[in-house]
Amino acid sequence: MINVLIVDDSRIARKIMEYELKAMPEYKILTFIEDAENAKPICMSTKVDLILMDVCTASDSSGLKAAADIKKSCSDIKIIITTSMPEYTFIMKAKMAGCESFWYKDYGNIGLREVIERTMKGERVYPDKTPDVDIHGVPISQFTPAQLRVLRELAMGLSQEEVAKKLCLSRSVIKGHISHMCEKTNTSKTLQLVTEAIEKRVILPKY
């Protein structure tokens, strides 16, 4: 029997996961929890084989941070990160945390059951790319990694000078990235880009 811990604060998402797992007789749901911070104590006291871990959980707890912490102590537990958010850093962060697989709830054409089965067979199942959401009419795939890093730091409330210092770049380079983003999106307002990126969940600074 494969013991599964589900970490998700969405009742609908939990129901979907429960439905999928009930169709897989060799899997047993241990429990559902809403806060990622409570996952590690369960893993330390109970035999857990697989965690379905949402990124954005109750109390603003990050499933990615919780997964990285769990992997340090319980590396044999397989973790599938799940999310409905198109945040562009989540795939990279899940890989850095050591998570085996990643499943988008609302994007892509691969089902949860397939991801679970392949993961438990030893595969690493990840999407090829982040969903290509638009920011002010322009898909994020048309922004460079450097531009998105600058946009992320601005979304965290840093000034241009603070962004330059944090990224070890000159102020003129930061201004150049901002100018190119504004030109690309045909806007003169950086705040508008930052606001839309947050509203569309392309950038979620907390996680």
N, C-alpha and C. Protein backbone atom coordinates (compact mmCIF):
# COMPACT_ATOMS: atom_id res chain seq x y z
N MET A 1 0.84 -1.19 0.00
CA MET A 1 0.00 0.00 0.00
C MET A 1 0.88 1.25 0.00
N ILE A 2 0.54 2.20 -0.86
CA ILE A 2 1.29 3.46 -0.97
C ILE A 2 0.52 4.54 -0.21
N ASN A 3 1.13 5.06 0.84
CA ASN A 3 0.48 6.06 1.68
C ASN A 3 0.68 7.47 1.13
N VAL A 4 -0.44 8.19 0.98
CA VAL A 4 -0.41 9.51 0.35
C VAL A 4 -0.88 10.60 1.33
N LEU A 5 -0.10 11.66 1.38
CA LEU A 5 -0.48 12.86 2.15
C LEU A 5 -0.84 13.94 1.14
N ILE A 6 -2.02 14.54 1.29
CA ILE A 6 -2.46 15.61 0.39
C ILE A 6 -2.42 16.94 1.14
N VAL A 7 -1.68 17.88 0.57
CA VAL A 7 -1.54 19.21 1.18
C VAL A 7 -2.13 20.23 0.22
N ASP A 8 -3.32 20.71 0.53
CA ASP A 8 -4.01 21.65 -0.37
C ASP A 8 -5.14 22.31 0.40
N ASP A 9 -5.28 23.63 0.28
CA ASP A 9 -6.34 24.32 1.02
C ASP A 9 -7.60 24.54 0.18
N SER A 10 -7.63 23.95 -1.02
CA SER A 10 -8.82 24.04 -1.87
C SER A 10 -9.65 22.77 -1.73
N ARG A 11 -10.88 22.92 -1.30
CA ARG A 11 -11.76 21.76 -1.13
C ARG A 11 -12.00 21.06 -2.47
N ILE A 12 -12.16 21.85 -3.53
CA ILE A 12 -12.40 21.27 -4.85
C ILE A 12 -11.20 20.46 -5.31
N ALA A 13 -10.00 21.02 -5.13
CA ALA A 13 -8.78 20.31 -5.53
C ALA A 13 -8.63 19.01 -4.75
N ARG A 14 -8.93 19.05 -3.46
CA ARG A 14 -8.83 17.84 -2.63
C ARG A 14 -9.80 16.77 -3.11
N LYS A 15 -11.00 17.18 -3.50
CA LYS A 15 -12.00 16.23 -4.00
C LYS A 15 -11.53 15.57 -5.29
N ILE A 16 -10.91 16.37 -6.17
CA ILE A 16 -10.40 15.83 -7.43
C ILE A 16 -9.30 14.80 -7.15
N MET A 17 -8.40 15.14 -6.25
CA MET A 17 -7.31 14.22 -5.92
C MET A 17 -7.85 12.95 -5.26
N GLU A 18 -8.83 13.11 -4.40
CA GLU A 18 -9.44 11.95 -3.74
C GLU A 18 -10.10 11.04 -4.77
N TYR A 19 -10.80 11.63 -5.72
CA TYR A 19 -11.45 10.86 -6.78
C TYR A 19 -10.42 10.06 -7.58
N GLU A 20 -9.32 10.71 -7.96
CA GLU A 20 -8.29 10.04 -8.75
C GLU A 20 -7.66 8.89 -7.97
N LEU A 21 -7.36 9.12 -6.71
CA LEU A 21 -6.69 8.11 -5.90
C LEU A 21 -7.60 6.93 -5.56
N LYS A 22 -8.89 7.18 -5.44
CA LYS A 22 -9.81 6.08 -5.15
C LYS A 22 -9.90 5.10 -6.31
N ALA A 23 -9.53 5.58 -7.50
CA ALA A 23 -9.52 4.70 -8.67
C ALA A 23 -8.22 3.91 -8.78
N MET A 24 -7.34 4.12 -7.81
CA MET A 24 -6.03 3.45 -7.79
C MET A 24 -5.94 2.65 -6.50
N PRO A 25 -6.36 1.38 -6.50
CA PRO A 25 -6.52 0.60 -5.27
C PRO A 25 -5.28 0.45 -4.42
N GLU A 26 -4.10 0.59 -5.02
CA GLU A 26 -2.87 0.40 -4.24
C GLU A 26 -2.47 1.65 -3.46
N TYR A 27 -3.27 2.72 -3.61
CA TYR A 27 -2.97 3.97 -2.91
C TYR A 27 -3.95 4.21 -1.77
N LYS A 28 -3.42 4.73 -0.67
CA LYS A 28 -4.24 5.04 0.50
C LYS A 28 -4.00 6.48 0.94
N ILE A 29 -5.06 7.26 1.05
CA ILE A 29 -4.93 8.64 1.52
C ILE A 29 -4.84 8.63 3.05
N LEU A 30 -3.72 9.10 3.56
CA LEU A 30 -3.55 9.15 5.01
C LEU A 30 -4.40 10.25 5.62
N THR A 31 -4.28 11.45 5.04
CA THR A 31 -5.05 12.58 5.55
C THR A 31 -4.93 13.75 4.58
N PHE A 32 -5.78 14.75 4.78
CA PHE A 32 -5.72 16.00 4.04
C PHE A 32 -5.31 17.10 5.03
N ILE A 33 -4.40 17.97 4.66
CA ILE A 33 -4.09 19.14 5.48
C ILE A 33 -4.07 20.37 4.59
N GLU A 34 -4.31 21.53 5.18
CA GLU A 34 -4.40 22.76 4.40
C GLU A 34 -3.13 23.60 4.44
N ASP A 35 -2.29 23.38 5.44
CA ASP A 35 -1.11 24.23 5.66
C ASP A 35 0.16 23.42 5.45
N ALA A 36 0.99 23.85 4.51
CA ALA A 36 2.22 23.10 4.18
C ALA A 36 3.16 22.98 5.37
N GLU A 37 3.12 23.92 6.28
CA GLU A 37 4.01 23.88 7.45
C GLU A 37 3.73 22.66 8.34
N ASN A 38 2.53 22.12 8.24
CA ASN A 38 2.17 20.97 9.07
C ASN A 38 2.53 19.63 8.42
N ALA A 39 3.10 19.67 7.22
CA ALA A 39 3.40 18.43 6.51
C ALA A 39 4.59 17.68 7.11
N LYS A 40 5.65 18.39 7.44
CA LYS A 40 6.85 17.71 7.93
C LYS A 40 6.61 16.92 9.22
N PRO A 41 5.90 17.47 10.23
CA PRO A 41 5.65 16.67 11.44
C PRO A 41 4.93 15.36 11.14
N ILE A 42 4.02 15.37 10.16
CA ILE A 42 3.32 14.13 9.80
C ILE A 42 4.31 13.15 9.19
N CYS A 43 5.19 13.67 8.33
CA CYS A 43 6.18 12.80 7.68
C CYS A 43 7.15 12.19 8.69
N MET A 44 7.43 12.92 9.76
CA MET A 44 8.37 12.44 10.77
C MET A 44 7.74 11.41 11.70
N SER A 45 6.41 11.38 11.77
CA SER A 45 5.74 10.49 12.72
C SER A 45 4.95 9.35 12.06
N THR A 46 4.76 9.44 10.75
CA THR A 46 3.95 8.46 10.03
C THR A 46 4.66 8.06 8.74
N LYS A 47 4.42 6.83 8.29
CA LYS A 47 5.00 6.39 7.03
C LYS A 47 4.25 7.04 5.86
N VAL A 48 4.94 7.96 5.20
CA VAL A 48 4.38 8.64 4.03
C VAL A 48 5.24 8.26 2.82
N ASP A 49 4.60 7.81 1.75
CA ASP A 49 5.32 7.43 0.53
C ASP A 49 5.26 8.52 -0.54
N LEU A 50 4.15 9.26 -0.56
CA LEU A 50 3.93 10.26 -1.60
C LEU A 50 3.19 11.46 -1.03
N ILE A 51 3.64 12.65 -1.41
CA ILE A 51 2.94 13.88 -1.03
C ILE A 51 2.49 14.60 -2.29
N LEU A 52 1.20 14.95 -2.32
CA LEU A 52 0.69 15.86 -3.35
C LEU A 52 0.65 17.24 -2.69
N MET A 53 1.59 18.10 -3.07
CA MET A 53 1.84 19.35 -2.34
C MET A 53 1.50 20.57 -3.19
N ASP A 54 0.46 21.28 -2.79
CA ASP A 54 0.15 22.54 -3.46
C ASP A 54 1.21 23.58 -3.10
N VAL A 55 1.42 24.55 -3.99
CA VAL A 55 2.42 25.59 -3.72
C VAL A 55 1.88 26.62 -2.74
N CYS A 56 0.70 27.14 -3.02
CA CYS A 56 0.12 28.21 -2.20
C CYS A 56 -0.91 27.59 -1.25
N THR A 57 -0.55 27.48 0.02
CA THR A 57 -1.43 26.82 0.98
C THR A 57 -1.90 27.79 2.06
N ALA A 58 -2.68 27.29 2.99
CA ALA A 58 -3.23 28.12 4.06
C ALA A 58 -2.14 28.83 4.84
N SER A 59 -2.50 29.97 5.41
CA SER A 59 -1.57 30.80 6.20
C SER A 59 -0.39 31.30 5.36
N ASP A 60 -0.60 31.35 4.03
CA ASP A 60 0.45 31.80 3.10
C ASP A 60 1.70 30.94 3.18
N SER A 61 1.55 29.69 3.58
CA SER A 61 2.70 28.78 3.65
C SER A 61 3.04 28.28 2.25
N SER A 62 4.33 28.26 1.95
CA SER A 62 4.80 27.82 0.65
C SER A 62 5.04 26.31 0.62
N GLY A 63 4.34 25.63 -0.28
CA GLY A 63 4.57 24.20 -0.44
C GLY A 63 5.96 23.90 -0.96
N LEU A 64 6.54 24.82 -1.71
CA LEU A 64 7.89 24.63 -2.23
C LEU A 64 8.92 24.64 -1.10
N LYS A 65 8.76 25.57 -0.17
CA LYS A 65 9.68 25.64 0.96
C LYS A 65 9.51 24.42 1.86
N ALA A 66 8.26 24.02 2.07
CA ALA A 66 7.99 22.84 2.91
C ALA A 66 8.57 21.59 2.27
N ALA A 67 8.44 21.48 0.95
CA ALA A 67 8.97 20.31 0.23
C ALA A 67 10.48 20.23 0.38
N ALA A 68 11.16 21.37 0.22
CA ALA A 68 12.63 21.39 0.35
C ALA A 68 13.04 20.95 1.75
N ASP A 69 12.29 21.38 2.76
CA ASP A 69 12.60 21.02 4.14
C ASP A 69 12.37 19.53 4.38
N ILE A 70 11.29 19.01 3.84
CA ILE A 70 10.98 17.58 4.00
C ILE A 70 12.05 16.72 3.34
N LYS A 71 12.50 17.13 2.17
CA LYS A 71 13.50 16.36 1.43
C LYS A 71 14.83 16.25 2.19
N LYS A 72 15.12 17.22 3.04
CA LYS A 72 16.37 17.18 3.81
C LYS A 72 16.35 16.04 4.83
N SER A 73 15.18 15.75 5.37
CA SER A 73 15.05 14.73 6.42
C SER A 73 14.46 13.43 5.91
N CYS A 74 13.64 13.50 4.88
CA CYS A 74 12.93 12.32 4.38
C CYS A 74 13.06 12.24 2.87
N SER A 75 14.26 12.03 2.41
CA SER A 75 14.54 12.09 0.98
C SER A 75 13.85 10.98 0.19
N ASP A 76 13.43 9.91 0.89
CA ASP A 76 12.79 8.79 0.19
C ASP A 76 11.32 9.07 -0.13
N ILE A 77 10.74 10.09 0.49
CA ILE A 77 9.34 10.44 0.20
C ILE A 77 9.29 11.16 -1.15
N LYS A 78 8.43 10.69 -2.03
CA LYS A 78 8.28 11.34 -3.33
C LYS A 78 7.27 12.48 -3.21
N ILE A 79 7.61 13.60 -3.85
CA ILE A 79 6.75 14.79 -3.77
C ILE A 79 6.37 15.26 -5.16
N ILE A 80 5.07 15.41 -5.37
CA ILE A 80 4.56 15.99 -6.60
C ILE A 80 4.01 17.38 -6.25
N ILE A 81 4.62 18.40 -6.82
CA ILE A 81 4.13 19.76 -6.61
C ILE A 81 2.93 19.99 -7.52
N THR A 82 1.87 20.58 -6.97
CA THR A 82 0.67 20.88 -7.76
C THR A 82 0.35 22.36 -7.62
N THR A 83 -0.19 22.94 -8.68
CA THR A 83 -0.56 24.35 -8.61
C THR A 83 -1.49 24.71 -9.76
N SER A 84 -2.27 25.76 -9.55
CA SER A 84 -3.08 26.33 -10.62
C SER A 84 -2.52 27.68 -11.03
N MET A 85 -1.39 28.06 -10.43
CA MET A 85 -0.78 29.37 -10.67
C MET A 85 0.30 29.29 -11.76
N PRO A 86 0.29 30.22 -12.72
CA PRO A 86 1.29 30.19 -13.80
C PRO A 86 2.58 30.93 -13.44
N GLU A 87 2.91 31.01 -12.16
CA GLU A 87 4.11 31.72 -11.72
C GLU A 87 5.35 31.13 -12.41
N TYR A 88 6.14 32.00 -13.01
CA TYR A 88 7.19 31.52 -13.92
C TYR A 88 8.37 30.85 -13.22
N THR A 89 8.51 31.01 -11.90
CA THR A 89 9.65 30.40 -11.20
C THR A 89 9.32 29.06 -10.54
N PHE A 90 8.05 28.67 -10.52
CA PHE A 90 7.66 27.50 -9.73
C PHE A 90 8.31 26.20 -10.21
N ILE A 91 8.38 25.99 -11.51
CA ILE A 91 8.99 24.75 -12.02
C ILE A 91 10.45 24.67 -11.60
N MET A 92 11.18 25.75 -11.77
CA MET A 92 12.59 25.79 -11.38
C MET A 92 12.76 25.54 -9.89
N LYS A 93 11.92 26.18 -9.07
CA LYS A 93 12.03 26.03 -7.62
C LYS A 93 11.68 24.61 -7.17
N ALA A 94 10.73 23.98 -7.84
CA ALA A 94 10.37 22.60 -7.50
C ALA A 94 11.55 21.66 -7.78
N LYS A 95 12.23 21.88 -8.89
CA LYS A 95 13.41 21.06 -9.21
C LYS A 95 14.53 21.30 -8.20
N MET A 96 14.74 22.56 -7.83
CA MET A 96 15.78 22.88 -6.85
C MET A 96 15.47 22.27 -5.49
N ALA A 97 14.19 22.15 -5.16
CA ALA A 97 13.78 21.57 -3.87
C ALA A 97 13.93 20.05 -3.86
N GLY A 98 14.15 19.46 -5.04
CA GLY A 98 14.31 18.01 -5.11
C GLY A 98 13.02 17.25 -5.33
N CYS A 99 11.95 17.96 -5.71
CA CYS A 99 10.66 17.31 -5.93
C CYS A 99 10.71 16.45 -7.20
N GLU A 100 10.06 15.30 -7.14
CA GLU A 100 10.11 14.37 -8.26
C GLU A 100 9.32 14.85 -9.48
N SER A 101 8.16 15.45 -9.23
CA SER A 101 7.29 15.80 -10.35
C SER A 101 6.51 17.08 -10.08
N PHE A 102 5.83 17.56 -11.13
CA PHE A 102 5.12 18.83 -11.07
C PHE A 102 3.87 18.70 -11.94
N TRP A 103 2.71 19.09 -11.38
CA TRP A 103 1.46 18.98 -12.12
C TRP A 103 0.66 20.28 -12.03
N TYR A 104 0.31 20.82 -13.23
CA TYR A 104 -0.57 21.98 -13.29
C TYR A 104 -2.02 21.51 -13.24
N LYS A 105 -2.78 22.07 -12.32
CA LYS A 105 -4.18 21.70 -12.19
C LYS A 105 -5.02 22.17 -13.38
N ASP A 106 -4.68 23.34 -13.90
CA ASP A 106 -5.53 23.97 -14.92
C ASP A 106 -4.87 24.12 -16.28
N TYR A 107 -3.67 23.59 -16.43
CA TYR A 107 -2.97 23.73 -17.71
C TYR A 107 -2.41 22.37 -18.12
N GLY A 108 -2.09 22.23 -19.40
CA GLY A 108 -1.44 21.02 -19.87
C GLY A 108 -2.43 19.92 -20.20
N ASN A 109 -1.92 18.83 -20.76
CA ASN A 109 -2.79 17.75 -21.22
C ASN A 109 -2.45 16.41 -20.57
N ILE A 110 -1.79 16.45 -19.43
CA ILE A 110 -1.46 15.23 -18.72
C ILE A 110 -2.26 15.17 -17.42
N GLY A 111 -2.87 14.02 -17.14
CA GLY A 111 -3.72 13.89 -15.97
C GLY A 111 -2.93 13.57 -14.71
N LEU A 112 -3.53 13.85 -13.57
CA LEU A 112 -2.87 13.60 -12.29
C LEU A 112 -2.55 12.13 -12.10
N ARG A 113 -3.46 11.25 -12.49
CA ARG A 113 -3.23 9.82 -12.30
C ARG A 113 -1.96 9.36 -13.03
N GLU A 114 -1.79 9.83 -14.24
CA GLU A 114 -0.59 9.47 -15.00
C GLU A 114 0.67 9.99 -14.33
N VAL A 115 0.61 11.23 -13.84
CA VAL A 115 1.78 11.80 -13.16
C VAL A 115 2.13 10.98 -11.93
N ILE A 116 1.12 10.59 -11.16
CA ILE A 116 1.35 9.79 -9.95
C ILE A 116 2.00 8.45 -10.31
N GLU A 117 1.42 7.75 -11.28
CA GLU A 117 1.92 6.43 -11.64
C GLU A 117 3.35 6.48 -12.16
N ARG A 118 3.63 7.44 -13.01
CA ARG A 118 4.98 7.57 -13.56
C ARG A 118 6.00 7.97 -12.49
N THR A 119 5.55 8.84 -11.59
CA THR A 119 6.43 9.27 -10.50
C THR A 119 6.80 8.10 -9.60
N MET A 120 5.83 7.28 -9.25
CA MET A 120 6.08 6.16 -8.36
C MET A 120 6.89 5.05 -9.05
N LYS A 121 6.97 5.09 -10.37
CA LYS A 121 7.83 4.16 -11.11
C LYS A 121 9.26 4.68 -11.23
N GLY A 122 9.49 5.88 -10.70
CA GLY A 122 10.84 6.42 -10.72
C GLY A 122 11.09 7.51 -11.73
N GLU A 123 10.06 7.93 -12.46
CA GLU A 123 10.23 9.00 -13.44
C GLU A 123 10.13 10.37 -12.77
N ARG A 124 10.74 11.34 -13.41
CA ARG A 124 10.54 12.74 -13.03
C ARG A 124 9.67 13.37 -14.10
N VAL A 125 8.48 13.80 -13.69
CA VAL A 125 7.50 14.30 -14.67
C VAL A 125 7.31 15.80 -14.46
N TYR A 126 7.78 16.58 -15.44
CA TYR A 126 7.68 18.03 -15.36
C TYR A 126 7.12 18.59 -16.68
N PRO A 127 6.36 19.69 -16.60
CA PRO A 127 5.91 20.35 -17.83
C PRO A 127 7.12 20.89 -18.60
N ASP A 128 6.97 21.00 -19.90
CA ASP A 128 8.06 21.53 -20.72
C ASP A 128 8.31 23.00 -20.44
N LYS A 129 7.23 23.72 -20.08
CA LYS A 129 7.38 25.15 -19.85
C LYS A 129 6.24 25.68 -18.99
N THR A 130 6.41 26.89 -18.52
CA THR A 130 5.37 27.59 -17.78
C THR A 130 4.26 28.02 -18.73
N PRO A 131 2.99 28.00 -18.30
CA PRO A 131 1.91 28.50 -19.16
C PRO A 131 2.21 29.91 -19.66
N ASP A 132 1.96 30.15 -20.93
CA ASP A 132 2.37 31.41 -21.57
C ASP A 132 1.31 32.49 -21.39
N VAL A 133 1.19 32.97 -20.18
CA VAL A 133 0.20 34.01 -19.84
C VAL A 133 0.67 35.36 -20.36
N ASP A 134 -0.28 36.20 -20.76
CA ASP A 134 0.05 37.53 -21.26
C ASP A 134 0.23 38.53 -20.13
N ILE A 135 1.17 39.44 -20.30
CA ILE A 135 1.28 40.62 -19.46
C ILE A 135 1.11 41.82 -20.38
N HIS A 136 0.03 42.52 -20.21
CA HIS A 136 -0.32 43.67 -21.04
C HIS A 136 -0.29 43.29 -22.52
N GLY A 137 -0.87 42.12 -22.83
CA GLY A 137 -1.01 41.70 -24.20
C GLY A 137 0.19 40.99 -24.80
N VAL A 138 1.25 40.81 -24.00
CA VAL A 138 2.46 40.16 -24.51
C VAL A 138 2.72 38.88 -23.71
N PRO A 139 2.85 37.72 -24.37
CA PRO A 139 3.13 36.46 -23.66
C PRO A 139 4.44 36.55 -22.88
N ILE A 140 4.49 35.93 -21.71
CA ILE A 140 5.71 36.04 -20.90
C ILE A 140 6.91 35.36 -21.57
N SER A 141 6.65 34.47 -22.53
CA SER A 141 7.76 33.85 -23.25
C SER A 141 8.55 34.87 -24.06
N GLN A 142 7.95 36.04 -24.29
CA GLN A 142 8.63 37.08 -25.05
C GLN A 142 9.44 38.03 -24.16
N PHE A 143 9.38 37.79 -22.85
CA PHE A 143 10.22 38.54 -21.91
C PHE A 143 11.48 37.72 -21.67
N THR A 144 12.62 38.37 -21.55
CA THR A 144 13.85 37.64 -21.27
C THR A 144 13.90 37.27 -19.79
N PRO A 145 14.68 36.25 -19.42
CA PRO A 145 14.83 35.91 -18.00
C PRO A 145 15.29 37.11 -17.17
N ALA A 146 16.17 37.92 -17.73
CA ALA A 146 16.67 39.10 -17.00
C ALA A 146 15.54 40.10 -16.76
N GLN A 147 14.69 40.30 -17.76
CA GLN A 147 13.58 41.23 -17.61
C GLN A 147 12.60 40.73 -16.54
N LEU A 148 12.33 39.43 -16.54
CA LEU A 148 11.41 38.88 -15.54
C LEU A 148 12.00 38.97 -14.14
N ARG A 149 13.31 38.80 -14.02
CA ARG A 149 13.95 38.95 -12.69
C ARG A 149 13.78 40.38 -12.18
N VAL A 150 13.97 41.36 -13.06
CA VAL A 150 13.79 42.76 -12.66
C VAL A 150 12.34 43.02 -12.27
N LEU A 151 11.41 42.49 -13.06
CA LEU A 151 9.98 42.68 -12.77
C LEU A 151 9.63 42.06 -11.42
N ARG A 152 10.21 40.89 -11.12
CA ARG A 152 9.97 40.23 -9.84
C ARG A 152 10.45 41.10 -8.67
N GLU A 153 11.63 41.65 -8.79
CA GLU A 153 12.16 42.47 -7.70
C GLU A 153 11.33 43.73 -7.51
N LEU A 154 10.87 44.32 -8.60
CA LEU A 154 10.00 45.48 -8.49
C LEU A 154 8.68 45.10 -7.82
N ALA A 155 8.19 43.89 -8.12
CA ALA A 155 6.95 43.41 -7.51
C ALA A 155 7.10 43.20 -6.00
N MET A 156 8.34 43.02 -5.56
CA MET A 156 8.60 42.86 -4.13
C MET A 156 8.75 44.20 -3.43
N GLY A 157 8.55 45.28 -4.19
CA GLY A 157 8.54 46.61 -3.60
C GLY A 157 9.88 47.32 -3.60
N LEU A 158 10.86 46.80 -4.30
CA LEU A 158 12.18 47.43 -4.33
C LEU A 158 12.21 48.57 -5.33
N SER A 159 13.02 49.57 -5.05
CA SER A 159 13.23 50.66 -5.99
C SER A 159 14.20 50.20 -7.07
N GLN A 160 14.33 50.98 -8.13
CA GLN A 160 15.28 50.63 -9.19
C GLN A 160 16.70 50.54 -8.64
N GLU A 161 17.03 51.44 -7.76
CA GLU A 161 18.37 51.43 -7.17
C GLU A 161 18.59 50.17 -6.32
N GLU A 162 17.57 49.78 -5.56
CA GLU A 162 17.67 48.58 -4.73
C GLU A 162 17.74 47.31 -5.59
N VAL A 163 16.99 47.31 -6.71
CA VAL A 163 17.04 46.17 -7.62
C VAL A 163 18.44 46.02 -8.21
N ALA A 164 19.03 47.16 -8.61
CA ALA A 164 20.37 47.15 -9.18
C ALA A 164 21.38 46.59 -8.18
N LYS A 165 21.27 47.00 -6.94
CA LYS A 165 22.19 46.53 -5.91
C LYS A 165 22.00 45.03 -5.65
N LYS A 166 20.75 44.59 -5.58
CA LYS A 166 20.46 43.18 -5.28
C LYS A 166 20.94 42.26 -6.40
N LEU A 167 20.76 42.70 -7.64
CA LEU A 167 21.12 41.87 -8.79
C LEU A 167 22.56 42.10 -9.26
N CYS A 168 23.27 42.99 -8.54
CA CYS A 168 24.66 43.31 -8.87
C CYS A 168 24.78 43.82 -10.30
N LEU A 169 23.89 44.73 -10.64
CA LEU A 169 23.89 45.35 -11.96
C LEU A 169 23.90 46.87 -11.80
N SER A 170 24.24 47.57 -12.85
CA SER A 170 24.23 49.03 -12.79
C SER A 170 22.80 49.55 -12.90
N ARG A 171 22.61 50.74 -12.42
CA ARG A 171 21.28 51.36 -12.50
C ARG A 171 20.85 51.50 -13.96
N SER A 172 21.80 51.80 -14.84
CA SER A 172 21.47 51.99 -16.26
C SER A 172 21.00 50.68 -16.90
N VAL A 173 21.56 49.55 -16.47
CA VAL A 173 21.13 48.25 -16.99
C VAL A 173 19.69 47.97 -16.56
N ILE A 174 19.38 48.26 -15.31
CA ILE A 174 18.01 48.07 -14.80
C ILE A 174 17.04 48.95 -15.57
N LYS A 175 17.42 50.20 -15.77
CA LYS A 175 16.56 51.11 -16.53
C LYS A 175 16.35 50.60 -17.95
N GLY A 176 17.40 50.01 -18.52
CA GLY A 176 17.30 49.47 -19.87
C GLY A 176 16.31 48.33 -19.95
N HIS A 177 16.36 47.43 -18.96
CA HIS A 177 15.41 46.31 -18.94
C HIS A 177 13.97 46.83 -18.81
N ILE A 178 13.79 47.80 -17.94
CA ILE A 178 12.45 48.37 -17.74
C ILE A 178 11.96 49.05 -19.02
N SER A 179 12.85 49.80 -19.66
CA SER A 179 12.50 50.51 -20.90
C SER A 179 12.10 49.52 -21.99
N HIS A 180 12.83 48.40 -22.10
CA HIS A 180 12.52 47.41 -23.12
C HIS A 180 11.18 46.74 -22.85
N MET A 181 10.88 46.49 -21.56
CA MET A 181 9.60 45.89 -21.22
C MET A 181 8.44 46.83 -21.54
N CYS A 182 8.62 48.10 -21.23
CA CYS A 182 7.58 49.09 -21.52
C CYS A 182 7.37 49.25 -23.02
N GLU A 183 8.48 49.26 -23.75
CA GLU A 183 8.39 49.38 -25.20
C GLU A 183 7.69 48.16 -25.80
N LYS A 184 8.03 46.99 -25.29
CA LYS A 184 7.47 45.72 -25.78
C LYS A 184 5.96 45.67 -25.56
N THR A 185 5.52 46.21 -24.43
CA THR A 185 4.09 46.15 -24.07
C THR A 185 3.34 47.44 -24.41
N ASN A 186 4.06 48.38 -25.01
CA ASN A 186 3.46 49.64 -25.42
C ASN A 186 2.82 50.39 -24.25
N THR A 187 3.57 50.47 -23.17
CA THR A 187 3.12 51.24 -22.01
C THR A 187 4.29 52.02 -21.43
N SER A 188 3.98 53.10 -20.78
CA SER A 188 5.04 53.91 -20.16
C SER A 188 5.02 53.75 -18.63
N LYS A 189 4.13 52.89 -18.14
CA LYS A 189 3.95 52.78 -16.71
C LYS A 189 4.45 51.42 -16.20
N THR A 190 5.58 51.43 -15.53
CA THR A 190 6.14 50.20 -14.98
C THR A 190 5.20 49.57 -13.96
N LEU A 191 4.56 50.42 -13.16
CA LEU A 191 3.65 49.93 -12.13
C LEU A 191 2.52 49.11 -12.74
N GLN A 192 2.09 49.49 -13.92
CA GLN A 192 1.02 48.76 -14.59
C GLN A 192 1.46 47.34 -14.92
N LEU A 193 2.70 47.20 -15.37
CA LEU A 193 3.24 45.87 -15.68
C LEU A 193 3.36 45.02 -14.41
N VAL A 194 3.88 45.63 -13.35
CA VAL A 194 4.05 44.92 -12.09
C VAL A 194 2.69 44.46 -11.55
N THR A 195 1.73 45.37 -11.56
CA THR A 195 0.39 45.05 -11.04
C THR A 195 -0.26 43.92 -11.83
N GLU A 196 -0.14 43.98 -13.16
CA GLU A 196 -0.77 42.94 -13.98
C GLU A 196 -0.08 41.59 -13.80
N ALA A 197 1.24 41.61 -13.66
CA ALA A 197 1.98 40.37 -13.45
C ALA A 197 1.54 39.69 -12.15
N ILE A 198 1.28 40.48 -11.12
CA ILE A 198 0.82 39.93 -9.84
C ILE A 198 -0.63 39.46 -9.95
N GLU A 199 -1.47 40.28 -10.58
CA GLU A 199 -2.89 39.93 -10.71
C GLU A 199 -3.09 38.63 -11.49
N LYS A 200 -2.24 38.41 -12.50
CA LYS A 200 -2.37 37.21 -13.33
C LYS A 200 -1.56 36.04 -12.78
N ARG A 201 -0.98 36.23 -11.59
CA ARG A 201 -0.23 35.18 -10.88
C ARG A 201 1.01 34.72 -11.64
N VAL A 202 1.53 35.59 -12.50
CA VAL A 202 2.79 35.29 -13.18
C VAL A 202 3.95 35.49 -12.19
N ILE A 203 3.76 36.42 -11.28
CA ILE A 203 4.73 36.67 -10.22
C ILE A 203 4.01 36.64 -8.88
N LEU A 204 4.45 35.76 -8.00
CA LEU A 204 3.89 35.66 -6.65
C LEU A 204 5.06 35.73 -5.67
N PRO A 205 5.43 36.94 -5.28
CA PRO A 205 6.64 37.14 -4.46
C PRO A 205 6.69 36.32 -3.18
N LYS A 206 5.53 36.01 -2.57
CA LYS A 206 5.53 35.29 -1.29
C LYS A 206 6.03 33.86 -1.41
N TYR A 207 5.95 33.29 -2.60
CA TYR A 207 6.21 31.87 -2.74
C TYR A 207 7.47 31.59 -3.55
